[in-house]
Amino acid sequence: MRLAPLIAMFASLSVMAALAGDLTITFKNSGKHNEGISHQYMTADRHRTNHEGIQTDSMIDLQKGMIYTIKHKEKKVEFMSFEDMEKFAEAMSARMAEMQEQMNQPGVGAMMAKIMGDPNNFSVDQVGSETVASRKCTKYHMVIMKMDMVLSTDPTLKIPMNPANFARFTKFTNLMKFAASPAAAKMAAEMAKIKGFTLKSVTQVPMLGQITSEATEVKEGPIAPTVFALPEGYKMEDTGKKLLEQSQKGGRKR
């Protein structure tokens, strides 16, 4: 289960939650590990993305407090509870503080900056507008260290989320705490400039090249509960418990 995409998703959804109607959005995607069509299904209690190209789905069940990654090639479902995610974030917070100390050692910070880019290099600028999937979007240029992104967001598109369950969901802003630093504070301030749901993204990633996602259709209307069913016969793997065990082992080595 890759944490970076999840953290990004949490950050974007946390500023757009609303009690709105169900949404189904179809995307065409390109780039390494991103090829093919994907579909996003969103209701007040569940959000699921089915990615046909990479044969991997992801789902957040707000009512049960669970996150799932469904790997069809491996016939496996990885899952993690909200509670375990929060415990992992707390464990990582202390680890990241130690890593920050190491980064401040002479020569180490310069070496890491050469590989990943300057951690203070984070900016968001509004650069115009365009129409995506027949919806008027605002364009933003975002730079994250060595990664360059152009996002087109629809400020009118409301993402459905049950307010009661959203209260549980907001705990995951704690995931950003393990990156707590002046650079992280700047990142949060810059991200606040982006208004709306992203319908198109063009990202330049070092060593991976260009990765794109663009909505081709946005539909509003009820979604059948079967869309959110987990596949039968797949192996179930508790990734949350594994991450916690790994973080605890790392702590014992200090």
C-alpha atoms as a PDB file:
ATOM      1  CA  MET A   1       0.000   0.000   0.000  1.00  0.00           C
ATOM      2  CA  ARG A   2       1.598   3.261  -1.109  1.00  0.00           C
ATOM      3  CA  LEU A   3       1.208   6.018   1.491  1.00  0.00           C
ATOM      4  CA  ALA A   4       2.124   9.041  -0.640  1.00  0.00           C
ATOM      5  CA  PRO A   5      -0.984   8.881  -2.880  1.00  0.00           C
ATOM      6  CA  LEU A   6      -3.178   8.362   0.157  1.00  0.00           C
ATOM      7  CA  ILE A   7      -1.741  11.376   1.943  1.00  0.00           C
ATOM      8  CA  ALA A   8      -2.308  13.513  -1.122  1.00  0.00           C
ATOM      9  CA  MET A   9      -5.867  12.283  -1.367  1.00  0.00           C
ATOM     10  CA  PHE A  10      -6.551  13.021   2.295  1.00  0.00           C
ATOM     11  CA  ALA A  11      -5.194  16.538   1.934  1.00  0.00           C
ATOM     12  CA  SER A  12      -7.348  17.309  -1.106  1.00  0.00           C
ATOM     13  CA  LEU A  13     -10.563  15.777   0.209  1.00  0.00           C
ATOM     14  CA  SER A  14     -10.254  17.459   3.596  1.00  0.00           C
ATOM     15  CA  VAL A  15     -10.829  20.892   2.074  1.00  0.00           C
ATOM     16  CA  MET A  16     -13.687  19.848  -0.201  1.00  0.00           C
ATOM     17  CA  ALA A  17     -15.971  17.680   1.894  1.00  0.00           C
ATOM     18  CA  ALA A  18     -19.673  18.369   1.561  1.00  0.00           C
ATOM     19  CA  LEU A  19     -22.988  16.545   1.836  1.00  0.00           C
ATOM     20  CA  ALA A  20     -23.564  16.332  -1.916  1.00  0.00           C
ATOM     21  CA  GLY A  21     -24.981  13.793  -4.376  1.00  0.00           C
ATOM     22  CA  ASP A  22     -23.111  10.703  -5.577  1.00  0.00           C
ATOM     23  CA  LEU A  23     -20.441  11.264  -8.213  1.00  0.00           C
ATOM     24  CA  THR A  24     -18.895   9.030 -10.883  1.00  0.00           C
ATOM     25  CA  ILE A  25     -15.859  10.420 -12.732  1.00  0.00           C
ATOM     26  CA  THR A  26     -14.019   8.664 -15.575  1.00  0.00           C
ATOM     27  CA  PHE A  27     -10.360   9.484 -16.248  1.00  0.00           C
ATOM     28  CA  LYS A  28      -7.948   8.666 -19.052  1.00  0.00           C
ATOM     29  CA  ASN A  29      -4.422   8.221 -17.764  1.00  0.00           C
ATOM     30  CA  SER A  30      -0.923   7.917 -19.184  1.00  0.00           C
ATOM     31  CA  GLY A  31       2.617   7.596 -17.915  1.00  0.00           C
ATOM     32  CA  LYS A  32       4.657   4.991 -16.073  1.00  0.00           C
ATOM     33  CA  HIS A  33       2.527   2.887 -13.671  1.00  0.00           C
ATOM     34  CA  ASN A  34      -0.523   4.987 -14.599  1.00  0.00           C
ATOM     35  CA  GLU A  35      -1.646   3.741 -18.014  1.00  0.00           C
ATOM     36  CA  GLY A  36      -5.297   3.137 -18.864  1.00  0.00           C
ATOM     37  CA  ILE A  37      -8.795   4.187 -17.860  1.00  0.00           C
ATOM     38  CA  SER A  38      -9.859   4.712 -14.248  1.00  0.00           C
ATOM     39  CA  HIS A  39     -13.226   5.378 -12.622  1.00  0.00           C
ATOM     40  CA  GLN A  40     -13.867   7.209  -9.361  1.00  0.00           C
ATOM     41  CA  TYR A  41     -17.065   6.423  -7.453  1.00  0.00           C
ATOM     42  CA  MET A  42     -17.976   8.717  -4.570  1.00  0.00           C
ATOM     43  CA  THR A  43     -20.856   8.566  -2.095  1.00  0.00           C
ATOM     44  CA  ALA A  44     -21.269  10.125   1.356  1.00  0.00           C
ATOM     45  CA  ASP A  45     -19.727   7.070   3.030  1.00  0.00           C
ATOM     46  CA  ARG A  46     -17.428   5.442   0.468  1.00  0.00           C
ATOM     47  CA  HIS A  47     -14.941   6.581  -2.156  1.00  0.00           C
ATOM     48  CA  ARG A  48     -13.505   4.047  -4.609  1.00  0.00           C
ATOM     49  CA  THR A  49     -11.146   4.278  -7.588  1.00  0.00           C
ATOM     50  CA  ASN A  50     -10.970   1.378 -10.072  1.00  0.00           C
ATOM     51  CA  HIS A  51      -7.888   1.623 -12.291  1.00  0.00           C
ATOM     52  CA  GLU A  52      -8.329  -0.742 -15.236  1.00  0.00           C
ATOM     53  CA  GLY A  53      -4.857  -0.125 -16.659  1.00  0.00           C
ATOM     54  CA  ILE A  54      -2.817  -1.149 -13.620  1.00  0.00           C
ATOM     55  CA  GLN A  55      -5.517  -3.529 -12.308  1.00  0.00           C
ATOM     56  CA  THR A  56      -5.425  -1.982  -8.846  1.00  0.00           C
ATOM     57  CA  ASP A  57      -8.366  -0.423  -7.019  1.00  0.00           C
ATOM     58  CA  SER A  58      -8.411   1.685  -3.861  1.00  0.00           C
ATOM     59  CA  MET A  59     -11.292   2.414  -1.507  1.00  0.00           C
ATOM     60  CA  ILE A  60     -11.966   4.463   1.622  1.00  0.00           C
ATOM     61  CA  ASP A  61     -14.903   3.242   3.715  1.00  0.00           C
ATOM     62  CA  LEU A  62     -15.691   6.188   5.991  1.00  0.00           C
ATOM     63  CA  GLN A  63     -18.443   4.352   7.818  1.00  0.00           C
ATOM     64  CA  LYS A  64     -16.275   1.373   8.800  1.00  0.00           C
ATOM     65  CA  GLY A  65     -13.111   3.443   9.148  1.00  0.00           C
ATOM     66  CA  MET A  66     -11.141   1.320   6.691  1.00  0.00           C
ATOM     67  CA  ILE A  67      -8.832   1.842   3.709  1.00  0.00           C
ATOM     68  CA  TYR A  68      -8.437  -0.870   1.068  1.00  0.00           C
ATOM     69  CA  THR A  69      -6.037  -1.512  -1.812  1.00  0.00           C
ATOM     70  CA  ILE A  70      -7.314  -4.234  -4.151  1.00  0.00           C
ATOM     71  CA  LYS A  71      -4.633  -5.866  -6.308  1.00  0.00           C
ATOM     72  CA  HIS A  72      -6.341  -7.942  -8.974  1.00  0.00           C
ATOM     73  CA  LYS A  73      -3.164  -9.424 -10.483  1.00  0.00           C
ATOM     74  CA  GLU A  74      -2.195 -10.830  -7.087  1.00  0.00           C
ATOM     75  CA  LYS A  75      -5.798 -11.531  -6.042  1.00  0.00           C
ATOM     76  CA  LYS A  76      -5.079  -9.727  -2.794  1.00  0.00           C
ATOM     77  CA  VAL A  77      -6.798  -7.065  -0.675  1.00  0.00           C
ATOM     78  CA  GLU A  78      -4.567  -4.961   1.575  1.00  0.00           C
ATOM     79  CA  PHE A  79      -6.451  -3.147   4.339  1.00  0.00           C
ATOM     80  CA  MET A  80      -5.726  -0.655   7.073  1.00  0.00           C
ATOM     81  CA  SER A  81      -7.967   0.768   9.801  1.00  0.00           C
ATOM     82  CA  PHE A  82      -8.170   4.471  10.558  1.00  0.00           C
ATOM     83  CA  GLU A  83      -6.961   3.697  14.088  1.00  0.00           C
ATOM     84  CA  ASP A  84      -3.834   1.936  12.824  1.00  0.00           C
ATOM     85  CA  MET A  85      -3.139   4.758  10.385  1.00  0.00           C
ATOM     86  CA  GLU A  86      -3.260   7.244  13.252  1.00  0.00           C
ATOM     87  CA  LYS A  87      -0.955   5.111  15.421  1.00  0.00           C
ATOM     88  CA  PHE A  88       1.463   4.755  12.518  1.00  0.00           C
ATOM     89  CA  ALA A  89       1.449   8.524  11.985  1.00  0.00           C
ATOM     90  CA  GLU A  90       2.281   9.068  15.649  1.00  0.00           C
ATOM     91  CA  ALA A  91       5.145   6.574  15.459  1.00  0.00           C
ATOM     92  CA  MET A  92       6.479   8.163  12.301  1.00  0.00           C
ATOM     93  CA  SER A  93       6.343  11.618  13.850  1.00  0.00           C
ATOM     94  CA  ALA A  94       9.144  10.714  16.269  1.00  0.00           C
ATOM     95  CA  ARG A  95      11.119   8.935  13.553  1.00  0.00           C
ATOM     96  CA  MET A  96      10.895  11.931  11.242  1.00  0.00           C
ATOM     97  CA  ALA A  97      12.192  14.210  13.986  1.00  0.00           C
ATOM     98  CA  GLU A  98      15.297  12.020  14.184  1.00  0.00           C
ATOM     99  CA  MET A  99      15.654  11.999  10.401  1.00  0.00           C
ATOM    100  CA  GLN A 100      15.438  15.791  10.412  1.00  0.00           C
ATOM    101  CA  GLU A 101      18.346  15.900  12.846  1.00  0.00           C
ATOM    102  CA  GLN A 102      20.354  13.659  10.522  1.00  0.00           C
ATOM    103  CA  MET A 103      19.489  15.883   7.567  1.00  0.00           C
ATOM    104  CA  ASN A 104      21.000  18.822   9.446  1.00  0.00           C
ATOM    105  CA  GLN A 105      24.360  17.073   9.652  1.00  0.00           C
ATOM    106  CA  PRO A 106      27.082  18.682   7.456  1.00  0.00           C
ATOM    107  CA  GLY A 107      26.875  17.418   3.898  1.00  0.00           C
ATOM    108  CA  VAL A 108      23.821  15.182   4.415  1.00  0.00           C
ATOM    109  CA  GLY A 109      21.232  17.872   3.645  1.00  0.00           C
ATOM    110  CA  ALA A 110      23.090  18.911   0.506  1.00  0.00           C
ATOM    111  CA  MET A 111      23.271  15.314  -0.701  1.00  0.00           C
ATOM    112  CA  MET A 112      19.544  14.720  -0.138  1.00  0.00           C
ATOM    113  CA  ALA A 113      18.667  18.016  -1.810  1.00  0.00           C
ATOM    114  CA  LYS A 114      20.646  16.927  -4.866  1.00  0.00           C
ATOM    115  CA  ILE A 115      18.610  13.722  -5.094  1.00  0.00           C
ATOM    116  CA  MET A 116      15.147  14.926  -4.092  1.00  0.00           C
ATOM    117  CA  GLY A 117      15.361  18.683  -4.479  1.00  0.00           C
ATOM    118  CA  ASP A 118      15.213  21.569  -2.046  1.00  0.00           C
ATOM    119  CA  PRO A 119      12.493  20.816   0.586  1.00  0.00           C
ATOM    120  CA  ASN A 120      11.715  24.547   0.687  1.00  0.00           C
ATOM    121  CA  ASN A 121      11.014  24.571  -3.046  1.00  0.00           C
ATOM    122  CA  PHE A 122       7.220  24.460  -2.895  1.00  0.00           C
ATOM    123  CA  SER A 123       4.890  26.885  -4.654  1.00  0.00           C
ATOM    124  CA  VAL A 124       1.386  27.161  -6.112  1.00  0.00           C
ATOM    125  CA  ASP A 125       0.413  29.789  -8.699  1.00  0.00           C
ATOM    126  CA  GLN A 126      -2.856  30.303 -10.563  1.00  0.00           C
ATOM    127  CA  VAL A 127      -2.060  30.316 -14.283  1.00  0.00           C
ATOM    128  CA  GLY A 128      -5.362  30.573 -16.155  1.00  0.00           C
ATOM    129  CA  SER A 129      -8.338  28.369 -16.959  1.00  0.00           C
ATOM    130  CA  GLU A 130      -9.473  25.581 -19.291  1.00  0.00           C
ATOM    131  CA  THR A 131     -12.465  23.329 -19.909  1.00  0.00           C
ATOM    132  CA  VAL A 132     -12.181  19.689 -18.838  1.00  0.00           C
ATOM    133  CA  ALA A 133     -15.050  17.215 -19.317  1.00  0.00           C
ATOM    134  CA  SER A 134     -17.292  20.168 -20.269  1.00  0.00           C
ATOM    135  CA  ARG A 135     -16.598  21.874 -16.931  1.00  0.00           C
ATOM    136  CA  LYS A 136     -14.795  25.171 -16.466  1.00  0.00           C
ATOM    137  CA  CYS A 137     -11.632  24.678 -14.442  1.00  0.00           C
ATOM    138  CA  THR A 138      -9.001  26.890 -12.842  1.00  0.00           C
ATOM    139  CA  LYS A 139      -5.391  25.997 -13.697  1.00  0.00           C
ATOM    140  CA  TYR A 140      -2.621  25.953 -11.099  1.00  0.00           C
ATOM    141  CA  HIS A 141       1.098  25.424 -11.478  1.00  0.00           C
ATOM    142  CA  MET A 142       2.529  23.582  -8.485  1.00  0.00           C
ATOM    143  CA  VAL A 143       6.175  22.805  -7.736  1.00  0.00           C
ATOM    144  CA  ILE A 144       7.148  20.248  -5.076  1.00  0.00           C
ATOM    145  CA  MET A 145      10.940  20.019  -4.808  1.00  0.00           C
ATOM    146  CA  LYS A 146      11.885  18.477  -8.194  1.00  0.00           C
ATOM    147  CA  MET A 147       8.320  17.575  -9.172  1.00  0.00           C
ATOM    148  CA  ASP A 148       6.391  19.924 -11.459  1.00  0.00           C
ATOM    149  CA  MET A 149       2.585  19.784 -11.766  1.00  0.00           C
ATOM    150  CA  VAL A 150      -0.167  21.588 -13.649  1.00  0.00           C
ATOM    151  CA  LEU A 151      -3.599  21.021 -12.099  1.00  0.00           C
ATOM    152  CA  SER A 152      -7.002  21.961 -13.499  1.00  0.00           C
ATOM    153  CA  THR A 153      -9.664  22.053 -10.796  1.00  0.00           C
ATOM    154  CA  ASP A 154     -13.422  22.610 -10.858  1.00  0.00           C
ATOM    155  CA  PRO A 155     -14.279  24.942  -7.944  1.00  0.00           C
ATOM    156  CA  THR A 156     -17.998  24.117  -8.228  1.00  0.00           C
ATOM    157  CA  LEU A 157     -17.683  20.338  -7.897  1.00  0.00           C
ATOM    158  CA  LYS A 158     -18.762  19.210  -4.428  1.00  0.00           C
ATOM    159  CA  ILE A 159     -17.434  15.916  -3.096  1.00  0.00           C
ATOM    160  CA  PRO A 160     -20.005  13.888  -1.103  1.00  0.00           C
ATOM    161  CA  MET A 161     -19.012  13.019   2.442  1.00  0.00           C
ATOM    162  CA  ASN A 162     -21.181  12.302   5.494  1.00  0.00           C
ATOM    163  CA  PRO A 163     -20.404  15.022   8.097  1.00  0.00           C
ATOM    164  CA  ALA A 164     -20.434  12.546  10.999  1.00  0.00           C
ATOM    165  CA  ASN A 165     -17.983  10.215   9.294  1.00  0.00           C
ATOM    166  CA  PHE A 166     -15.937  13.147   8.048  1.00  0.00           C
ATOM    167  CA  ALA A 167     -15.200  14.021  11.681  1.00  0.00           C
ATOM    168  CA  ARG A 168     -13.362  10.688  11.962  1.00  0.00           C
ATOM    169  CA  PHE A 169     -11.712  11.217   8.623  1.00  0.00           C
ATOM    170  CA  THR A 170     -10.166  14.566   9.619  1.00  0.00           C
ATOM    171  CA  LYS A 171      -7.943  12.776  12.125  1.00  0.00           C
ATOM    172  CA  PHE A 172      -5.744  11.892   9.201  1.00  0.00           C
ATOM    173  CA  THR A 173      -4.486  15.409   8.852  1.00  0.00           C
ATOM    174  CA  ASN A 174      -2.149  13.994  11.545  1.00  0.00           C
ATOM    175  CA  LEU A 175      -0.431  12.105   8.744  1.00  0.00           C
ATOM    176  CA  MET A 176       1.149  15.381   7.726  1.00  0.00           C
ATOM    177  CA  LYS A 177       2.620  15.853  11.193  1.00  0.00           C
ATOM    178  CA  PHE A 178       5.444  13.387  10.590  1.00  0.00           C
ATOM    179  CA  ALA A 179       6.673  15.843   7.971  1.00  0.00           C
ATOM    180  CA  ALA A 180       6.364  18.731  10.426  1.00  0.00           C
ATOM    181  CA  SER A 181       8.894  21.426   9.586  1.00  0.00           C
ATOM    182  CA  PRO A 182       8.957  24.990   8.253  1.00  0.00           C
ATOM    183  CA  ALA A 183       8.877  23.444   4.777  1.00  0.00           C
ATOM    184  CA  ALA A 184       5.705  21.495   5.646  1.00  0.00           C
ATOM    185  CA  ALA A 185       4.061  24.650   6.985  1.00  0.00           C
ATOM    186  CA  LYS A 186       4.826  26.406   3.711  1.00  0.00           C
ATOM    187  CA  MET A 187       3.417  23.451   1.795  1.00  0.00           C
ATOM    188  CA  ALA A 188       0.132  23.638   3.726  1.00  0.00           C
ATOM    189  CA  ALA A 189      -0.175  27.375   3.080  1.00  0.00           C
ATOM    190  CA  GLU A 190       0.482  26.969  -0.638  1.00  0.00           C
ATOM    191  CA  MET A 191      -1.923  24.020  -0.987  1.00  0.00           C
ATOM    192  CA  ALA A 192      -4.696  26.159   0.522  1.00  0.00           C
ATOM    193  CA  LYS A 193      -4.606  28.275  -2.644  1.00  0.00           C
ATOM    194  CA  ILE A 194      -6.022  25.398  -4.704  1.00  0.00           C
ATOM    195  CA  LYS A 195      -9.818  25.506  -4.836  1.00  0.00           C
ATOM    196  CA  GLY A 196     -11.949  22.675  -6.156  1.00  0.00           C
ATOM    197  CA  PHE A 197     -11.645  19.063  -7.282  1.00  0.00           C
ATOM    198  CA  THR A 198      -8.828  18.199  -9.703  1.00  0.00           C
ATOM    199  CA  LEU A 199     -10.144  17.006 -13.076  1.00  0.00           C
ATOM    200  CA  LYS A 200      -6.820  17.131 -14.897  1.00  0.00           C
ATOM    201  CA  SER A 201      -3.205  16.814 -13.804  1.00  0.00           C
ATOM    202  CA  VAL A 202       0.038  16.818 -15.773  1.00  0.00           C
ATOM    203  CA  THR A 203       2.995  15.892 -13.603  1.00  0.00           C
ATOM    204  CA  GLN A 204       6.693  15.786 -14.422  1.00  0.00           C
ATOM    205  CA  VAL A 205       8.409  13.335 -12.078  1.00  0.00           C
ATOM    206  CA  PRO A 206      12.194  12.813 -12.013  1.00  0.00           C
ATOM    207  CA  MET A 207      13.145   9.370 -13.380  1.00  0.00           C
ATOM    208  CA  LEU A 208       9.503   8.595 -14.281  1.00  0.00           C
ATOM    209  CA  GLY A 209       8.776  11.310 -16.823  1.00  0.00           C
ATOM    210  CA  GLN A 210       5.335  12.742 -17.494  1.00  0.00           C
ATOM    211  CA  ILE A 211       2.251  11.316 -15.792  1.00  0.00           C
ATOM    212  CA  THR A 212      -1.184  12.587 -16.792  1.00  0.00           C
ATOM    213  CA  SER A 213      -4.790  12.091 -15.698  1.00  0.00           C
ATOM    214  CA  GLU A 214      -7.733  13.833 -17.369  1.00  0.00           C
ATOM    215  CA  ALA A 215     -11.451  13.468 -16.681  1.00  0.00           C
ATOM    216  CA  THR A 216     -13.542  12.579 -19.705  1.00  0.00           C
ATOM    217  CA  GLU A 217     -16.935  12.332 -17.996  1.00  0.00           C
ATOM    218  CA  VAL A 218     -18.513  13.579 -14.760  1.00  0.00           C
ATOM    219  CA  LYS A 219     -21.860  12.022 -13.784  1.00  0.00           C
ATOM    220  CA  GLU A 220     -24.060  12.864 -10.817  1.00  0.00           C
ATOM    221  CA  GLY A 221     -26.545  10.262  -9.562  1.00  0.00           C
ATOM    222  CA  PRO A 222     -26.968   7.237  -7.272  1.00  0.00           C
ATOM    223  CA  ILE A 223     -24.275   4.525  -7.296  1.00  0.00           C
ATOM    224  CA  ALA A 224     -25.226   0.888  -6.682  1.00  0.00           C
ATOM    225  CA  PRO A 225     -23.848  -0.568  -3.404  1.00  0.00           C
ATOM    226  CA  THR A 226     -22.355  -3.499  -5.376  1.00  0.00           C
ATOM    227  CA  VAL A 227     -19.774  -1.101  -6.857  1.00  0.00           C
ATOM    228  CA  PHE A 228     -18.112  -0.971  -3.429  1.00  0.00           C
ATOM    229  CA  ALA A 229     -18.117  -4.721  -2.759  1.00  0.00           C
ATOM    230  CA  LEU A 230     -14.752  -6.391  -2.106  1.00  0.00           C
ATOM    231  CA  PRO A 231     -13.941  -9.291  -4.461  1.00  0.00           C
ATOM    232  CA  GLU A 232     -14.570 -12.789  -3.172  1.00  0.00           C
ATOM    233  CA  GLY A 233     -11.764 -15.327  -2.898  1.00  0.00           C
ATOM    234  CA  TYR A 234      -8.955 -12.765  -2.557  1.00  0.00           C
ATOM    235  CA  LYS A 235      -6.285 -13.041   0.147  1.00  0.00           C
ATOM    236  CA  MET A 236      -6.788 -10.450   2.927  1.00  0.00           C
ATOM    237  CA  GLU A 237      -3.660  -8.746   4.289  1.00  0.00           C
ATOM    238  CA  ASP A 238      -3.627  -6.387   7.301  1.00  0.00           C
ATOM    239  CA  THR A 239      -1.115  -3.791   6.075  1.00  0.00           C
ATOM    240  CA  GLY A 240      -1.842  -1.487   9.003  1.00  0.00           C
ATOM    241  CA  LYS A 241      -0.604  -4.043  11.534  1.00  0.00           C
ATOM    242  CA  LYS A 242       2.509  -4.694   9.406  1.00  0.00           C
ATOM    243  CA  LEU A 243       3.380  -0.998   9.261  1.00  0.00           C
ATOM    244  CA  LEU A 244       2.957  -0.665  13.021  1.00  0.00           C
ATOM    245  CA  GLU A 245       5.223  -3.674  13.633  1.00  0.00           C
ATOM    246  CA  GLN A 246       7.873  -2.238  11.316  1.00  0.00           C
ATOM    247  CA  SER A 247       7.752   1.164  13.025  1.00  0.00           C
ATOM    248  CA  GLN A 248       8.081  -0.492  16.445  1.00  0.00           C
ATOM    249  CA  LYS A 249      11.086  -2.542  15.292  1.00  0.00           C
ATOM    250  CA  GLY A 250      12.706   0.628  14.013  1.00  0.00           C
ATOM    251  CA  GLY A 251      12.130   2.272  17.393  1.00  0.00           C
ATOM    252  CA  ARG A 252      13.786  -0.609  19.270  1.00  0.00           C
ATOM    253  CA  LYS A 253      16.954  -0.272  17.172  1.00  0.00           C
ATOM    254  CA  ARG A 254      17.625   3.259  18.393  1.00  0.00           C
END
